[in-house]
């Protein structure tokens, strides 16, 4: 028997389902982390390091009671990417993060739709009063998504400590969604 995360929320948007990670998501996650597509989040990584990272994703749910959602198209449970609240030990602030795992999911607005739902969940259901996104300065697509979500660059905000200090980390601060305080 494989244990699964239980009692985790499921969010639905017009086109997507956001759910907790499942064992069958492992291969898509590992393939993403092995590819150059993961370069803005510390990749590429071999399968051993990807395994540890996937454990980190699941552990966030267990230790914090929230975490990143895997997003899928409605009617197709194939993992397209991940988004959600993120706050590992040592992070200066609570983060809203996102990744798109497959090129086929790019350019369709899925990341925006999923990240917006996850952001609303963090503010509405988790009671967050602020959230940031830590973004590699070279990741123009992620910067564009943060700005589309209404986030603004906050140069005074602290950044997480990383092994690779020569990569600039930008901090984008998200506004509270309308109607939430």
C-alpha atoms as a PDB file:
ATOM      1  CA  UNK A   1       0.000   0.000   0.000  1.00  0.00           C
ATOM      2  CA  UNK A   2       1.254   3.473  -0.870  1.00  0.00           C
ATOM      3  CA  UNK A   3       0.285   6.137   1.635  1.00  0.00           C
ATOM      4  CA  UNK A   4      -1.324   9.273   0.252  1.00  0.00           C
ATOM      5  CA  UNK A   5      -1.886  12.755   1.556  1.00  0.00           C
ATOM      6  CA  UNK A   6      -5.421  12.866   2.903  1.00  0.00           C
ATOM      7  CA  UNK A   7      -7.626  15.768   3.885  1.00  0.00           C
ATOM      8  CA  UNK A   8      -5.771  18.107   1.560  1.00  0.00           C
ATOM      9  CA  UNK A   9      -7.894  20.632  -0.302  1.00  0.00           C
ATOM     10  CA  UNK A  10      -8.711  20.265  -3.970  1.00  0.00           C
ATOM     11  CA  UNK A  11      -9.146  23.501  -5.890  1.00  0.00           C
ATOM     12  CA  UNK A  12     -11.028  23.751  -9.154  1.00  0.00           C
ATOM     13  CA  UNK A  13     -10.774  26.463 -11.771  1.00  0.00           C
ATOM     14  CA  UNK A  14     -12.530  26.749 -15.089  1.00  0.00           C
ATOM     15  CA  UNK A  15     -10.076  24.343 -16.767  1.00  0.00           C
ATOM     16  CA  UNK A  16      -7.910  22.892 -14.014  1.00  0.00           C
ATOM     17  CA  UNK A  17      -7.861  20.758 -10.902  1.00  0.00           C
ATOM     18  CA  UNK A  18      -5.284  21.585  -8.226  1.00  0.00           C
ATOM     19  CA  UNK A  19      -4.613  18.676  -5.882  1.00  0.00           C
ATOM     20  CA  UNK A  20      -1.958  17.325  -3.557  1.00  0.00           C
ATOM     21  CA  UNK A  21       0.931  15.454  -5.182  1.00  0.00           C
ATOM     22  CA  UNK A  22       0.365  11.757  -5.822  1.00  0.00           C
ATOM     23  CA  UNK A  23       2.853   8.920  -6.369  1.00  0.00           C
ATOM     24  CA  UNK A  24       2.111   8.883 -10.112  1.00  0.00           C
ATOM     25  CA  UNK A  25       3.363  12.503 -10.354  1.00  0.00           C
ATOM     26  CA  UNK A  26       6.892  11.439  -9.458  1.00  0.00           C
ATOM     27  CA  UNK A  27       8.030  10.599 -13.003  1.00  0.00           C
ATOM     28  CA  UNK A  28       6.796  13.894 -14.509  1.00  0.00           C
ATOM     29  CA  UNK A  29       8.440  15.795 -11.655  1.00  0.00           C
ATOM     30  CA  UNK A  30      11.735  13.916 -12.067  1.00  0.00           C
ATOM     31  CA  UNK A  31      11.683  14.431 -15.847  1.00  0.00           C
ATOM     32  CA  UNK A  32      11.090  18.167 -15.351  1.00  0.00           C
ATOM     33  CA  UNK A  33      13.943  18.454 -12.840  1.00  0.00           C
ATOM     34  CA  UNK A  34      16.288  16.522 -15.169  1.00  0.00           C
ATOM     35  CA  UNK A  35      15.609  18.972 -17.983  1.00  0.00           C
ATOM     36  CA  UNK A  36      17.041  22.397 -18.682  1.00  0.00           C
ATOM     37  CA  UNK A  37      13.527  23.737 -17.989  1.00  0.00           C
ATOM     38  CA  UNK A  38      14.362  23.477 -14.271  1.00  0.00           C
ATOM     39  CA  UNK A  39      17.404  25.755 -14.473  1.00  0.00           C
ATOM     40  CA  UNK A  40      15.658  28.631 -12.691  1.00  0.00           C
ATOM     41  CA  UNK A  41      14.920  26.527  -9.604  1.00  0.00           C
ATOM     42  CA  UNK A  42      18.329  24.930  -9.138  1.00  0.00           C
ATOM     43  CA  UNK A  43      18.195  22.222 -11.805  1.00  0.00           C
ATOM     44  CA  UNK A  44      18.902  20.192 -13.712  1.00  0.00           C
ATOM     45  CA  UNK A  45      18.972  17.531 -11.014  1.00  0.00           C
ATOM     46  CA  UNK A  46      19.630  13.812 -11.166  1.00  0.00           C
ATOM     47  CA  UNK A  47      16.951  11.372 -10.011  1.00  0.00           C
ATOM     48  CA  UNK A  48      18.447  11.078  -6.524  1.00  0.00           C
ATOM     49  CA  UNK A  49      18.228  14.833  -5.934  1.00  0.00           C
ATOM     50  CA  UNK A  50      14.813  14.939  -7.627  1.00  0.00           C
ATOM     51  CA  UNK A  51      13.622  12.249  -5.196  1.00  0.00           C
ATOM     52  CA  UNK A  52      14.711  14.403  -2.263  1.00  0.00           C
ATOM     53  CA  UNK A  53      13.010  17.452  -3.779  1.00  0.00           C
ATOM     54  CA  UNK A  54       9.764  15.504  -4.270  1.00  0.00           C
ATOM     55  CA  UNK A  55       9.981  14.432  -0.627  1.00  0.00           C
ATOM     56  CA  UNK A  56      10.357  18.102   0.276  1.00  0.00           C
ATOM     57  CA  UNK A  57       7.166  18.901  -1.657  1.00  0.00           C
ATOM     58  CA  UNK A  58       5.218  16.180   0.164  1.00  0.00           C
ATOM     59  CA  UNK A  59       6.832  17.036   3.497  1.00  0.00           C
ATOM     60  CA  UNK A  60       5.572  20.621   3.287  1.00  0.00           C
ATOM     61  CA  UNK A  61       1.999  19.298   3.429  1.00  0.00           C
ATOM     62  CA  UNK A  62       2.810  17.073   6.383  1.00  0.00           C
ATOM     63  CA  UNK A  63       4.843  19.590   8.380  1.00  0.00           C
ATOM     64  CA  UNK A  64       3.026  22.839   7.569  1.00  0.00           C
ATOM     65  CA  UNK A  65      -0.477  21.656   6.670  1.00  0.00           C
ATOM     66  CA  UNK A  66      -0.230  23.296   3.251  1.00  0.00           C
ATOM     67  CA  UNK A  67       1.961  22.987   0.214  1.00  0.00           C
ATOM     68  CA  UNK A  68       2.236  23.043  -3.520  1.00  0.00           C
ATOM     69  CA  UNK A  69      -0.613  21.680  -5.573  1.00  0.00           C
ATOM     70  CA  UNK A  70      -0.090  19.635  -8.702  1.00  0.00           C
ATOM     71  CA  UNK A  71      -2.304  21.042 -11.413  1.00  0.00           C
ATOM     72  CA  UNK A  72      -3.967  18.955 -14.104  1.00  0.00           C
ATOM     73  CA  UNK A  73      -6.529  19.555 -16.823  1.00  0.00           C
ATOM     74  CA  UNK A  74     -10.088  18.710 -15.819  1.00  0.00           C
ATOM     75  CA  UNK A  75     -10.849  15.215 -17.049  1.00  0.00           C
ATOM     76  CA  UNK A  76      -7.168  14.263 -17.418  1.00  0.00           C
ATOM     77  CA  UNK A  77      -5.116  13.569 -14.279  1.00  0.00           C
ATOM     78  CA  UNK A  78      -1.763  14.022 -16.057  1.00  0.00           C
ATOM     79  CA  UNK A  79       0.410  16.436 -14.065  1.00  0.00           C
ATOM     80  CA  UNK A  80       1.114  19.673 -15.955  1.00  0.00           C
ATOM     81  CA  UNK A  81       2.959  21.536 -13.229  1.00  0.00           C
ATOM     82  CA  UNK A  82       2.857  22.670  -9.648  1.00  0.00           C
ATOM     83  CA  UNK A  83       1.887  25.833  -7.784  1.00  0.00           C
ATOM     84  CA  UNK A  84       1.026  26.876  -4.293  1.00  0.00           C
ATOM     85  CA  UNK A  85       1.998  28.159  -0.915  1.00  0.00           C
ATOM     86  CA  UNK A  86       5.571  27.376   0.043  1.00  0.00           C
ATOM     87  CA  UNK A  87       7.374  28.096   3.311  1.00  0.00           C
ATOM     88  CA  UNK A  88      10.333  25.829   4.066  1.00  0.00           C
ATOM     89  CA  UNK A  89      12.503  26.352   7.102  1.00  0.00           C
ATOM     90  CA  UNK A  90      14.886  29.253   6.515  1.00  0.00           C
ATOM     91  CA  UNK A  91      12.689  31.099   4.010  1.00  0.00           C
ATOM     92  CA  UNK A  92      12.327  34.759   5.010  1.00  0.00           C
ATOM     93  CA  UNK A  93       8.636  34.923   4.041  1.00  0.00           C
ATOM     94  CA  UNK A  94       5.798  32.772   2.828  1.00  0.00           C
ATOM     95  CA  UNK A  95       6.022  32.225  -0.890  1.00  0.00           C
ATOM     96  CA  UNK A  96       3.701  31.526  -3.759  1.00  0.00           C
ATOM     97  CA  UNK A  97       5.636  29.386  -6.225  1.00  0.00           C
ATOM     98  CA  UNK A  98       4.945  27.766  -9.583  1.00  0.00           C
ATOM     99  CA  UNK A  99       6.529  25.542 -12.194  1.00  0.00           C
ATOM    100  CA  UNK A 100       5.244  24.233 -15.514  1.00  0.00           C
ATOM    101  CA  UNK A 101       6.585  20.744 -16.053  1.00  0.00           C
ATOM    102  CA  UNK A 102       5.930  20.183 -19.732  1.00  0.00           C
ATOM    103  CA  UNK A 103       6.309  22.425 -22.792  1.00  0.00           C
ATOM    104  CA  UNK A 104       2.864  21.282 -23.953  1.00  0.00           C
ATOM    105  CA  UNK A 105       1.345  23.154 -20.981  1.00  0.00           C
ATOM    106  CA  UNK A 106       3.030  26.466 -21.792  1.00  0.00           C
ATOM    107  CA  UNK A 107       1.354  29.395 -23.475  1.00  0.00           C
ATOM    108  CA  UNK A 108      -2.166  28.340 -22.523  1.00  0.00           C
ATOM    109  CA  UNK A 109      -2.581  30.407 -19.360  1.00  0.00           C
ATOM    110  CA  UNK A 110      -2.561  27.324 -17.124  1.00  0.00           C
ATOM    111  CA  UNK A 111       0.159  28.655 -14.800  1.00  0.00           C
ATOM    112  CA  UNK A 112      -1.719  31.937 -14.339  1.00  0.00           C
ATOM    113  CA  UNK A 113      -5.024  30.179 -13.711  1.00  0.00           C
ATOM    114  CA  UNK A 114      -3.463  27.731 -11.249  1.00  0.00           C
ATOM    115  CA  UNK A 115      -1.297  30.308  -9.436  1.00  0.00           C
ATOM    116  CA  UNK A 116      -4.255  32.676  -9.056  1.00  0.00           C
ATOM    117  CA  UNK A 117      -6.335  29.904  -7.463  1.00  0.00           C
ATOM    118  CA  UNK A 118      -3.441  28.930  -5.169  1.00  0.00           C
ATOM    119  CA  UNK A 119      -2.835  32.563  -4.191  1.00  0.00           C
ATOM    120  CA  UNK A 120      -6.506  33.082  -3.403  1.00  0.00           C
ATOM    121  CA  UNK A 121      -6.448  29.890  -1.309  1.00  0.00           C
ATOM    122  CA  UNK A 122      -3.412  31.099   0.681  1.00  0.00           C
ATOM    123  CA  UNK A 123      -5.024  34.426   1.529  1.00  0.00           C
ATOM    124  CA  UNK A 124      -8.610  33.189   1.987  1.00  0.00           C
ATOM    125  CA  UNK A 125      -8.211  29.753   3.564  1.00  0.00           C
ATOM    126  CA  UNK A 126      -4.780  29.912   5.197  1.00  0.00           C
ATOM    127  CA  UNK A 127      -5.191  33.468   6.442  1.00  0.00           C
ATOM    128  CA  UNK A 128      -2.017  34.807   4.879  1.00  0.00           C
ATOM    129  CA  UNK A 129      -1.743  38.587   4.919  1.00  0.00           C
ATOM    130  CA  UNK A 130       1.210  38.738   2.535  1.00  0.00           C
ATOM    131  CA  UNK A 131       2.981  36.484   0.048  1.00  0.00           C
ATOM    132  CA  UNK A 132       6.031  36.816  -2.146  1.00  0.00           C
ATOM    133  CA  UNK A 133       7.477  34.957  -5.089  1.00  0.00           C
ATOM    134  CA  UNK A 134      11.241  34.436  -5.220  1.00  0.00           C
ATOM    135  CA  UNK A 135      12.185  34.534  -8.897  1.00  0.00           C
ATOM    136  CA  UNK A 136      15.514  34.078 -10.655  1.00  0.00           C
ATOM    137  CA  UNK A 137      16.325  37.401 -12.326  1.00  0.00           C
ATOM    138  CA  UNK A 138      16.744  35.659 -15.690  1.00  0.00           C
ATOM    139  CA  UNK A 139      13.359  33.965 -15.624  1.00  0.00           C
ATOM    140  CA  UNK A 140      11.421  36.446 -17.758  1.00  0.00           C
ATOM    141  CA  UNK A 141       8.373  34.178 -18.111  1.00  0.00           C
ATOM    142  CA  UNK A 142       8.033  33.815 -14.342  1.00  0.00           C
ATOM    143  CA  UNK A 143       8.502  37.550 -13.842  1.00  0.00           C
ATOM    144  CA  UNK A 144       5.767  38.198 -16.423  1.00  0.00           C
ATOM    145  CA  UNK A 145       3.450  35.772 -14.605  1.00  0.00           C
ATOM    146  CA  UNK A 146       4.090  37.454 -11.240  1.00  0.00           C
ATOM    147  CA  UNK A 147       3.296  40.838 -12.773  1.00  0.00           C
ATOM    148  CA  UNK A 148       0.168  39.463 -14.457  1.00  0.00           C
ATOM    149  CA  UNK A 149      -0.939  38.302 -10.995  1.00  0.00           C
ATOM    150  CA  UNK A 150      -0.484  41.895  -9.790  1.00  0.00           C
ATOM    151  CA  UNK A 151       2.755  41.319  -7.865  1.00  0.00           C
ATOM    152  CA  UNK A 152       5.363  44.076  -7.781  1.00  0.00           C
ATOM    153  CA  UNK A 153       9.108  43.828  -7.310  1.00  0.00           C
ATOM    154  CA  UNK A 154      10.138  44.540  -3.717  1.00  0.00           C
ATOM    155  CA  UNK A 155      13.896  45.249  -3.748  1.00  0.00           C
ATOM    156  CA  UNK A 156      13.942  45.781   0.045  1.00  0.00           C
ATOM    157  CA  UNK A 157      12.658  42.264   0.789  1.00  0.00           C
ATOM    158  CA  UNK A 158      15.014  39.583   2.076  1.00  0.00           C
ATOM    159  CA  UNK A 159      15.839  36.637  -0.163  1.00  0.00           C
ATOM    160  CA  UNK A 160      16.461  33.004   0.760  1.00  0.00           C
ATOM    161  CA  UNK A 161      20.059  31.879   1.137  1.00  0.00           C
ATOM    162  CA  UNK A 162      21.137  29.819  -1.863  1.00  0.00           C
ATOM    163  CA  UNK A 163      24.326  27.982  -2.667  1.00  0.00           C
ATOM    164  CA  UNK A 164      24.575  29.927  -5.928  1.00  0.00           C
ATOM    165  CA  UNK A 165      24.945  33.545  -4.790  1.00  0.00           C
ATOM    166  CA  UNK A 166      25.823  34.835  -8.280  1.00  0.00           C
ATOM    167  CA  UNK A 167      22.221  34.304  -9.451  1.00  0.00           C
ATOM    168  CA  UNK A 168      20.100  37.358  -8.641  1.00  0.00           C
ATOM    169  CA  UNK A 169      16.883  36.558  -6.834  1.00  0.00           C
ATOM    170  CA  UNK A 170      14.058  39.027  -7.284  1.00  0.00           C
ATOM    171  CA  UNK A 171      11.235  39.239  -4.763  1.00  0.00           C
ATOM    172  CA  UNK A 172       7.753  39.928  -6.091  1.00  0.00           C
ATOM    173  CA  UNK A 173       5.145  40.878  -3.489  1.00  0.00           C
ATOM    174  CA  UNK A 174       1.564  39.811  -4.148  1.00  0.00           C
ATOM    175  CA  UNK A 175      -1.362  42.035  -3.269  1.00  0.00           C
ATOM    176  CA  UNK A 176      -4.201  40.638  -1.233  1.00  0.00           C
ATOM    177  CA  UNK A 177      -6.921  39.535  -3.654  1.00  0.00           C
ATOM    178  CA  UNK A 178      -9.940  41.835  -3.806  1.00  0.00           C
ATOM    179  CA  UNK A 179     -12.574  41.168  -1.204  1.00  0.00           C
ATOM    180  CA  UNK A 180     -10.132  39.476   1.201  1.00  0.00           C
ATOM    181  CA  UNK A 181      -9.574  42.141   3.834  1.00  0.00           C
END
